[in-house]
Amino acid sequence: LIDGSEVAVKTLTEQLCKGAKNLQR
């Protein structure tokens, strides 16, 4: 089951991964 909190965590995690990639450039 996927609830709102899991979706929020997934979204935040994806944003952090994108931010890390941008910092590595």
Protein backbone atom coordinates (compact mmCIF):
# COMPACT_ATOMS: atom_id res chain seq x y z
CA LEU A 1 0.00 0.00 0.00
CA ILE A 2 1.16 3.53 -0.78
CA ASP A 3 -0.06 6.36 1.41
CA GLY A 4 0.47 10.11 1.17
CA SER A 5 3.49 10.09 3.45
CA GLU A 6 5.34 7.53 1.33
CA VAL A 7 4.68 9.56 -1.81
CA ALA A 8 5.97 12.70 -0.08
CA VAL A 9 9.15 10.92 1.05
CA LYS A 10 9.72 9.55 -2.46
CA THR A 11 9.28 13.00 -3.97
CA LEU A 12 11.67 14.60 -1.47
CA THR A 13 14.23 11.84 -2.04
CA GLU A 14 14.09 12.35 -5.80
CA GLN A 15 14.54 16.11 -5.33
CA LEU A 16 17.56 15.53 -3.09
CA CYS A 17 19.11 13.20 -5.68
CA LYS A 18 18.63 15.83 -8.39
CA GLY A 19 20.12 18.50 -6.14
CA ALA A 20 23.16 16.32 -5.40
CA LYS A 21 23.75 15.79 -9.12
CA ASN A 22 23.53 19.55 -9.72
CA LEU A 23 26.08 20.20 -6.94
CA GLN A 24 28.51 17.66 -8.41
CA ARG A 25 28.58 19.52 -11.74
